[in-house]
Amino acid sequence: MAVQSNLHKLVDLAREKSSERRRELLREVTDLFFDDVPAKGSAELDQYDGVLSRLAEDTAEDARAELAERFADSAHAPHGLIMQLARDVIDVAAPILRKSNTLTEDDLVAIAESTGQSHLKLLTTRKSIPEAVADTIVRRGNDDTVVSLVKNSGAQLSRAAFENITERAETNPDFHAPLVARKETPTDLLNDLLTVVEARLRDRILEKFDGVDPDELQQAIDASHARLEARLSNDKTADEAKRYVNAMKLRRQLDGALLVRLLREGQLMRCAAGLAVMTDTDLGTAKRALECPGIDPLCLLCKAGGIDRTLFVTLSVMRNAGKGDALRDAREYGRIYDELSEREAQRAMRFMAMRKNAEAA
């Protein structure tokens, strides 16, 4: 009864307009709460929730931040207050978003749906992240936020989330290492990454493949191929590029000079279609190799597909035209080509060949 009596007095005092006095009131009510923590679901807990929430609304940011720190570790913290603090400015919300166990899965989804990137990124640092929450973060988060999510081994990622992230990885190498490191990254999606990651990560993927049952691996590769081809199936430019390249092949005009001209003219899809035929791979793989920010995938494709060093260097320099020192880059690309053994390239591209064979079957 003494606690309730004190709480009623504090409710009356909460009408104080003085900012400093409200700060003192907030501390007093908080102290009362932790002196005798109310039972979960009790009327007393609801009363504390209402008082603390009202006091926090009109109290200075540093006082709210102090409040958030005190309640972040409490398993019986007032739910309304925690939700209020979780949506506050980031310096206040941070400890709640990182570790409050008062927040349910539904609460976390609601917060992820209604807050900005700073809040989303802090959610990615929680010890465990349910699948529904991770799905929302992947859908709404920018690349930096989603990379942080992938790095968290406590995040439960759905198949749809993995597919979304793997597609992003095609143009953002920050995703590569975290995706390869995760034990549960699907095998077919790892295969998608083979032609976009750098050499050391490609080797790690191939090591993982060595431990996979051959039938399971074939199914994964077939699924990878089907998915990547499906993304081009409704692309009219892809169909036109294939027809163009087939026509040039019949005329015996499909060669390195044609690829160089097409790339110089900005006809990337036609160039990719030509490269695919000349390296005996599929259009999706060739296009991704040309578009990938890193040079390793294109080098892998050219080395394994019999494209000579000069043509590889020329395509690489032209692809990055205006982005660096062409002469210096040419030397570096040549070195990379020379250091990649044909055996290593063929081993990696064996999985691309399996995809090609599956397409022809």
Protein backbone atom coordinates (compact mmCIF):
# COMPACT_ATOMS: atom_id res chain seq x y z
CA MET A 1 0.00 0.00 0.00
CA ALA A 2 2.90 2.36 0.79
CA VAL A 3 4.22 1.99 -2.74
CA GLN A 4 0.80 2.69 -4.27
CA SER A 5 0.38 5.73 -2.02
CA ASN A 6 3.75 7.13 -3.09
CA LEU A 7 2.92 6.41 -6.70
CA HIS A 8 -0.34 8.35 -6.46
CA LYS A 9 1.55 11.32 -5.03
CA LEU A 10 4.02 11.17 -7.85
CA VAL A 11 1.18 11.12 -10.39
CA ASP A 12 -0.01 14.41 -8.95
CA LEU A 13 3.50 15.82 -9.00
CA ALA A 14 3.91 14.74 -12.61
CA ARG A 15 1.98 17.86 -13.57
CA GLU A 16 5.08 19.85 -12.69
CA LYS A 17 6.21 22.04 -15.59
CA SER A 18 9.81 22.32 -14.43
CA SER A 19 12.09 20.18 -16.61
CA GLU A 20 14.51 19.56 -13.75
CA ARG A 21 11.71 18.57 -11.40
CA ARG A 22 10.31 16.18 -14.01
CA ARG A 23 13.74 14.60 -14.30
CA GLU A 24 13.76 14.07 -10.52
CA LEU A 25 10.26 12.61 -10.67
CA LEU A 26 11.32 10.21 -13.39
CA ARG A 27 14.18 8.95 -11.22
CA GLU A 28 11.95 8.67 -8.15
CA VAL A 29 9.30 6.63 -9.96
CA THR A 30 12.00 4.46 -11.52
CA ASP A 31 13.57 3.86 -8.11
CA LEU A 32 10.16 2.91 -6.73
CA PHE A 33 9.73 0.43 -9.56
CA PHE A 34 13.05 -1.31 -8.99
CA ASP A 35 12.65 -1.32 -5.18
CA ASP A 36 9.72 -3.70 -5.59
CA VAL A 37 9.25 -4.83 -9.18
CA PRO A 38 5.53 -5.37 -9.89
CA ALA A 39 4.32 -8.74 -11.14
CA LYS A 40 3.90 -9.16 -14.87
CA GLY A 41 0.32 -8.40 -15.95
CA SER A 42 -0.55 -6.71 -12.65
CA ALA A 43 -2.56 -3.50 -12.33
CA GLU A 44 0.38 -1.97 -10.51
CA LEU A 45 2.66 -2.58 -13.51
CA ASP A 46 0.09 -0.87 -15.75
CA GLN A 47 0.05 2.07 -13.37
CA TYR A 48 3.81 2.40 -13.48
CA ASP A 49 3.64 2.14 -17.27
CA GLY A 50 1.23 5.05 -17.52
CA VAL A 51 3.14 7.30 -15.10
CA LEU A 52 6.59 6.64 -16.53
CA SER A 53 5.38 7.03 -20.11
CA ARG A 54 3.78 10.40 -19.36
CA LEU A 55 6.83 11.65 -17.47
CA ALA A 56 9.19 10.53 -20.24
CA GLU A 57 7.20 12.33 -22.95
CA ASP A 58 8.17 15.80 -21.74
CA THR A 59 11.57 15.06 -20.21
CA ALA A 60 14.94 15.96 -21.70
CA GLU A 61 16.66 13.52 -24.04
CA ASP A 62 19.52 12.70 -21.67
CA ALA A 63 17.03 11.79 -18.95
CA ARG A 64 15.15 9.51 -21.35
CA ALA A 65 18.45 7.92 -22.34
CA GLU A 66 19.19 7.24 -18.68
CA LEU A 67 15.72 5.71 -18.31
CA ALA A 68 16.29 3.47 -21.34
CA GLU A 69 19.60 2.22 -19.93
CA ARG A 70 17.96 1.31 -16.61
CA PHE A 71 15.04 -0.56 -18.16
CA ALA A 72 16.85 -2.24 -21.07
CA ASP A 73 17.95 -5.20 -18.92
CA SER A 74 14.67 -5.60 -17.04
CA ALA A 75 12.58 -8.61 -18.07
CA HIS A 76 9.53 -7.04 -16.39
CA ALA A 77 9.85 -3.51 -17.77
CA PRO A 78 6.57 -1.70 -18.52
CA HIS A 79 5.68 -2.65 -22.09
CA GLY A 80 4.21 0.68 -23.22
CA LEU A 81 7.23 2.57 -21.94
CA ILE A 82 9.64 0.19 -23.69
CA MET A 83 7.82 0.59 -27.01
CA GLN A 84 7.86 4.37 -26.56
CA LEU A 85 11.59 4.40 -25.85
CA ALA A 86 12.31 2.00 -28.72
CA ARG A 87 10.85 4.52 -31.19
CA ASP A 88 12.59 7.51 -29.58
CA VAL A 89 15.65 9.22 -31.03
CA ILE A 90 18.46 6.77 -31.61
CA ASP A 91 20.55 7.75 -28.57
CA VAL A 92 17.57 6.94 -26.35
CA ALA A 93 16.37 3.88 -28.25
CA ALA A 94 19.77 2.19 -28.62
CA PRO A 95 19.91 0.06 -25.43
CA ILE A 96 16.27 -0.99 -25.82
CA LEU A 97 16.75 -2.04 -29.45
CA ARG A 98 19.95 -3.92 -28.68
CA LYS A 99 18.88 -5.99 -25.70
CA SER A 100 15.42 -5.48 -24.21
CA ASN A 101 13.73 -8.85 -23.63
CA THR A 102 10.41 -7.13 -23.01
CA LEU A 103 10.01 -6.72 -26.76
CA THR A 104 8.12 -9.61 -28.36
CA GLU A 105 8.59 -10.79 -31.94
CA ASP A 106 5.48 -8.80 -32.95
CA ASP A 107 6.89 -5.73 -31.20
CA LEU A 108 10.17 -6.06 -33.08
CA VAL A 109 8.38 -6.41 -36.41
CA ALA A 110 6.27 -3.32 -35.63
CA ILE A 111 9.39 -1.33 -34.76
CA ALA A 112 11.19 -2.54 -37.89
CA GLU A 113 8.20 -1.51 -40.01
CA SER A 114 7.90 1.99 -38.57
CA THR A 115 11.43 3.27 -37.91
CA GLY A 116 14.40 4.37 -39.99
CA GLN A 117 17.77 2.89 -40.89
CA SER A 118 19.48 3.79 -37.60
CA HIS A 119 16.88 1.84 -35.62
CA LEU A 120 16.90 -1.04 -38.10
CA LYS A 121 20.67 -1.35 -37.90
CA LEU A 122 20.59 -1.50 -34.12
CA LEU A 123 18.00 -4.27 -34.31
CA THR A 124 20.52 -6.28 -36.34
CA THR A 125 22.84 -6.36 -33.32
CA ARG A 126 20.42 -8.25 -31.05
CA LYS A 127 21.63 -11.59 -29.73
CA SER A 128 18.85 -13.40 -31.59
CA ILE A 129 16.60 -12.14 -34.38
CA PRO A 130 13.46 -14.09 -35.33
CA GLU A 131 12.86 -14.86 -38.99
CA ALA A 132 9.88 -12.50 -39.35
CA VAL A 133 11.95 -9.62 -37.96
CA ALA A 134 14.88 -10.45 -40.25
CA ASP A 135 12.53 -10.56 -43.25
CA THR A 136 11.30 -7.05 -42.45
CA ILE A 137 14.85 -5.75 -42.02
CA VAL A 138 15.90 -7.26 -45.37
CA ARG A 139 12.88 -5.74 -47.10
CA ARG A 140 13.27 -2.25 -45.61
CA GLY A 141 16.96 -2.03 -44.82
CA ASN A 142 19.67 -0.47 -46.94
CA ASP A 143 22.74 -2.52 -47.85
CA ASP A 144 24.75 -1.39 -44.82
CA THR A 145 21.95 -2.47 -42.48
CA VAL A 146 21.43 -5.82 -44.20
CA VAL A 147 25.16 -6.58 -44.23
CA SER A 148 25.10 -6.11 -40.45
CA LEU A 149 22.19 -8.54 -40.26
CA VAL A 150 23.98 -11.20 -42.32
CA LYS A 151 27.05 -10.93 -40.06
CA ASN A 152 24.91 -11.75 -37.01
CA SER A 153 24.91 -15.54 -36.59
CA GLY A 154 21.92 -15.19 -34.26
CA ALA A 155 19.73 -13.88 -37.09
CA GLN A 156 17.33 -16.46 -38.54
CA LEU A 157 17.22 -15.89 -42.30
CA SER A 158 14.42 -17.29 -44.44
CA ARG A 159 14.92 -18.66 -47.93
CA ALA A 160 13.35 -15.49 -49.36
CA ALA A 161 15.75 -13.34 -47.34
CA PHE A 162 18.75 -15.32 -48.58
CA GLU A 163 17.60 -14.90 -52.19
CA ASN A 164 17.15 -11.14 -51.74
CA ILE A 165 20.58 -10.78 -50.12
CA THR A 166 22.34 -12.93 -52.73
CA GLU A 167 20.90 -10.80 -55.52
CA ARG A 168 22.16 -7.67 -53.77
CA ALA A 169 25.57 -9.32 -53.49
CA GLU A 170 25.92 -9.22 -57.27
CA THR A 171 26.56 -5.48 -57.11
CA ASN A 172 27.81 -5.05 -53.53
CA PRO A 173 30.89 -7.08 -52.48
CA ASP A 174 30.31 -6.21 -48.81
CA PHE A 175 27.83 -9.10 -48.75
CA HIS A 176 30.23 -11.71 -50.11
CA ALA A 177 32.28 -12.72 -47.07
CA PRO A 178 29.34 -12.77 -44.61
CA LEU A 179 27.23 -14.88 -46.97
CA VAL A 180 30.00 -17.38 -47.60
CA ALA A 181 30.75 -17.56 -43.87
CA ARG A 182 27.18 -18.47 -42.86
CA LYS A 183 26.76 -22.23 -42.46
CA GLU A 184 23.14 -22.21 -43.60
CA THR A 185 23.53 -20.26 -46.85
CA PRO A 186 21.77 -22.50 -49.42
CA THR A 187 24.10 -24.38 -51.77
CA ASP A 188 22.38 -23.11 -54.92
CA LEU A 189 22.80 -19.52 -53.76
CA LEU A 190 26.47 -20.14 -53.04
CA ASN A 191 26.67 -21.29 -56.65
CA ASP A 192 25.12 -17.97 -57.71
CA LEU A 193 28.01 -16.25 -55.94
CA LEU A 194 30.76 -18.26 -57.64
CA THR A 195 31.06 -15.84 -60.53
CA VAL A 196 30.93 -12.63 -58.50
CA VAL A 197 33.21 -13.22 -55.49
CA GLU A 198 36.96 -12.78 -55.31
CA ALA A 199 39.33 -15.74 -55.54
CA ARG A 200 39.76 -16.48 -51.82
CA LEU A 201 35.98 -16.63 -51.28
CA ARG A 202 35.50 -18.69 -54.43
CA ASP A 203 37.94 -21.22 -52.97
CA ARG A 204 35.92 -21.36 -49.74
CA ILE A 205 32.73 -22.02 -51.71
CA LEU A 206 34.43 -24.81 -53.65
CA GLU A 207 35.63 -26.33 -50.37
CA LYS A 208 32.04 -26.36 -49.17
CA PHE A 209 30.96 -28.01 -52.42
CA ASP A 210 33.51 -30.78 -51.88
CA GLY A 211 31.52 -31.90 -48.84
CA VAL A 212 28.12 -31.94 -50.57
CA ASP A 213 26.53 -35.10 -51.96
CA PRO A 214 26.96 -35.04 -55.79
CA ASP A 215 23.21 -35.48 -56.46
CA GLU A 216 22.35 -32.72 -54.01
CA LEU A 217 25.00 -30.49 -55.57
CA GLN A 218 23.64 -31.13 -59.07
CA GLN A 219 20.13 -30.23 -57.90
CA ALA A 220 21.46 -27.03 -56.33
CA ILE A 221 23.32 -26.08 -59.51
CA ASP A 222 20.26 -26.77 -61.64
CA ALA A 223 18.17 -24.58 -59.31
CA SER A 224 20.77 -21.82 -59.49
CA HIS A 225 20.78 -21.93 -63.27
CA ALA A 226 16.97 -21.93 -63.49
CA ARG A 227 16.67 -18.95 -61.19
CA LEU A 228 19.31 -16.88 -62.94
CA GLU A 229 17.92 -17.67 -66.36
CA ALA A 230 14.38 -16.84 -65.18
CA ARG A 231 15.55 -13.33 -64.38
CA LEU A 232 16.46 -12.92 -68.05
CA SER A 233 13.48 -14.80 -69.49
CA ASN A 234 11.28 -11.71 -69.78
CA ASP A 235 14.10 -9.44 -70.90
CA LYS A 236 13.54 -8.60 -74.56
CA THR A 237 17.07 -7.24 -74.84
CA ALA A 238 18.43 -10.66 -73.81
CA ASP A 239 16.46 -12.43 -76.54
CA GLU A 240 17.53 -9.85 -79.11
CA ALA A 241 21.17 -10.19 -78.00
CA LYS A 242 21.10 -13.96 -78.40
CA ARG A 243 19.60 -13.66 -81.88
CA TYR A 244 22.20 -11.07 -82.87
CA VAL A 245 25.10 -13.18 -81.61
CA ASN A 246 23.79 -16.31 -83.33
CA ALA A 247 23.58 -14.37 -86.58
CA MET A 248 27.14 -13.08 -86.18
CA LYS A 249 28.32 -16.61 -85.43
CA LEU A 250 26.73 -17.92 -88.63
CA ARG A 251 28.54 -15.17 -90.53
CA ARG A 252 31.78 -16.14 -88.77
CA GLN A 253 32.07 -12.66 -87.31
CA LEU A 254 31.85 -13.65 -83.63
CA ASP A 255 35.34 -12.89 -82.29
CA GLY A 256 37.23 -10.76 -79.83
CA ALA A 257 37.08 -7.69 -82.04
CA LEU A 258 33.28 -7.87 -82.03
CA LEU A 259 33.16 -8.13 -78.23
CA VAL A 260 35.42 -5.09 -77.90
CA ARG A 261 33.29 -3.07 -80.34
CA LEU A 262 30.05 -4.01 -78.58
CA LEU A 263 31.44 -3.06 -75.18
CA ARG A 264 32.82 0.23 -76.55
CA GLU A 265 29.38 1.05 -77.94
CA GLY A 266 27.73 0.32 -74.60
CA GLN A 267 25.91 -2.78 -75.89
CA LEU A 268 26.58 -4.80 -72.75
CA MET A 269 23.86 -7.41 -73.28
CA ARG A 270 25.10 -8.23 -76.78
CA CYS A 271 28.67 -8.33 -75.51
CA ALA A 272 27.61 -10.69 -72.71
CA ALA A 273 25.76 -12.92 -75.18
CA GLY A 274 28.86 -13.11 -77.36
CA LEU A 275 31.10 -13.82 -74.38
CA ALA A 276 28.71 -16.57 -73.24
CA VAL A 277 28.96 -18.34 -76.61
CA MET A 278 32.73 -17.95 -76.84
CA THR A 279 33.26 -19.35 -73.31
CA ASP A 280 30.53 -22.02 -73.55
CA THR A 281 28.58 -20.72 -70.58
CA ASP A 282 25.16 -19.12 -70.11
CA LEU A 283 24.17 -15.52 -70.69
CA GLY A 284 23.40 -14.86 -67.01
CA THR A 285 26.90 -15.89 -65.94
CA ALA A 286 28.60 -13.82 -68.65
CA LYS A 287 26.48 -10.75 -67.93
CA ARG A 288 27.18 -10.93 -64.20
CA ALA A 289 30.91 -11.32 -64.83
CA LEU A 290 30.92 -8.18 -66.98
CA GLU A 291 28.86 -6.20 -64.45
CA CYS A 292 30.53 -7.38 -61.24
CA PRO A 293 32.53 -4.61 -59.48
CA GLY A 294 35.46 -6.98 -58.93
CA ILE A 295 37.63 -8.32 -61.75
CA ASP A 296 38.03 -11.92 -60.53
CA PRO A 297 34.75 -13.28 -62.01
CA LEU A 298 35.54 -12.01 -65.51
CA CYS A 299 39.09 -13.35 -65.23
CA LEU A 300 37.76 -16.74 -64.13
CA LEU A 301 35.33 -16.91 -67.03
CA CYS A 302 37.90 -15.84 -69.62
CA LYS A 303 40.67 -18.12 -68.36
CA ALA A 304 38.42 -21.18 -68.18
CA GLY A 305 36.70 -20.35 -71.45
CA GLY A 306 39.82 -19.97 -73.54
CA ILE A 307 39.73 -16.17 -73.93
CA ASP A 308 43.31 -14.99 -74.38
CA ARG A 309 45.10 -12.61 -72.03
CA THR A 310 45.02 -9.62 -74.41
CA LEU A 311 41.27 -9.78 -74.96
CA PHE A 312 40.61 -10.22 -71.23
CA VAL A 313 42.74 -7.17 -70.38
CA THR A 314 41.10 -5.11 -73.13
CA LEU A 315 37.57 -5.98 -71.96
CA SER A 316 38.53 -5.30 -68.34
CA VAL A 317 40.03 -1.88 -69.07
CA MET A 318 37.10 -0.87 -71.28
CA ARG A 319 34.59 -2.04 -68.67
CA ASN A 320 36.17 0.32 -66.15
CA ALA A 321 36.75 3.18 -68.59
CA GLY A 322 37.15 6.51 -66.81
CA LYS A 323 37.36 4.91 -63.36
CA GLY A 324 41.14 4.74 -62.96
CA ASP A 325 44.56 4.70 -64.59
CA ALA A 326 44.09 2.53 -67.69
CA LEU A 327 47.80 1.65 -68.09
CA ARG A 328 48.24 0.73 -64.44
CA ASP A 329 44.98 -1.24 -64.47
CA ALA A 330 46.01 -3.13 -67.62
CA ARG A 331 49.22 -4.29 -65.93
CA GLU A 332 47.28 -5.39 -62.84
CA TYR A 333 44.66 -7.25 -64.87
CA GLY A 334 47.38 -9.02 -66.81
CA ARG A 335 49.06 -10.09 -63.57
CA ILE A 336 45.77 -11.46 -62.21
CA TYR A 337 45.18 -13.41 -65.43
CA ASP A 338 48.69 -14.89 -65.36
CA GLU A 339 48.46 -15.91 -61.70
CA LEU A 340 45.15 -17.73 -62.15
CA SER A 341 45.98 -21.27 -63.20
CA GLU A 342 43.92 -22.86 -65.92
CA ARG A 343 43.31 -25.85 -63.67
CA GLU A 344 41.93 -23.65 -60.90
CA ALA A 345 39.70 -21.81 -63.34
CA GLN A 346 38.42 -25.04 -64.86
CA ARG A 347 37.66 -26.44 -61.41
CA ALA A 348 35.50 -23.45 -60.57
CA MET A 349 33.86 -23.28 -63.97
CA ARG A 350 33.05 -27.00 -63.83
CA PHE A 351 29.93 -25.94 -61.97
CA MET A 352 29.08 -23.49 -64.72
CA ALA A 353 29.60 -26.27 -67.28
CA MET A 354 27.25 -28.49 -65.27
CA ARG A 355 24.66 -25.73 -65.52
CA LYS A 356 25.25 -25.46 -69.27
CA ASN A 357 24.91 -29.21 -69.71
CA ALA A 358 21.73 -29.23 -67.64
CA GLU A 359 20.29 -26.55 -69.92
CA ALA A 360 21.07 -28.59 -73.02
CA ALA A 361 19.64 -31.85 -71.62
